């Protein structure tokens, strides 16, 4: 009985991710679908979805292990700031939707016309002050969800001329929240 419960608890997150992905984009993989249902992807989160903000943030965060090999070896042949030696889930989703891989928000030369990755490795959903008030240590790289949301608002102000432009853009956007 305990073995069965352990197997279920191991499979549960995988099944959840699979079901969510199929719900979000049920037609993205059909041969008949020729038009991508999304024109933009916006990613929020931490190391599981950071495409390089951690090494671009500066300070101690820039010496993250993901700034050195073997990280990035398999797909990019160089470190990219991804906490992986290959592609992240968001990279596979971008490719499946025929969209370019997302550049990290902090990349000065980034191309953001089809989406942006706001995720930063070591980030939390709650603000740093929450943890400090309870004497809980927080990674120096912490860029909480509120800061990532502010980056998102700044991005929309930069690429959109009006609230109606923002609304039109968001109607054709896939927004991913990953921890």
Foldseek 3Di string as FASTA:
>chain_A
DVVVVVVCVVCVVVVVVVVVVCVVCVPLQDPPDDAQLAQAEEEEEAQLQAQACQLLVDDPSVPPPLQAPPQCCPDNNHRRRHPHSHDHPQCVVCVSSVHHRADALSPPPGDDRRYHYLYYHQEEQDDPVVCVVVVHDGDPRYDHPVNSVVSVVVVCVVPDDDVVRVVVNVSRYHYYYDD
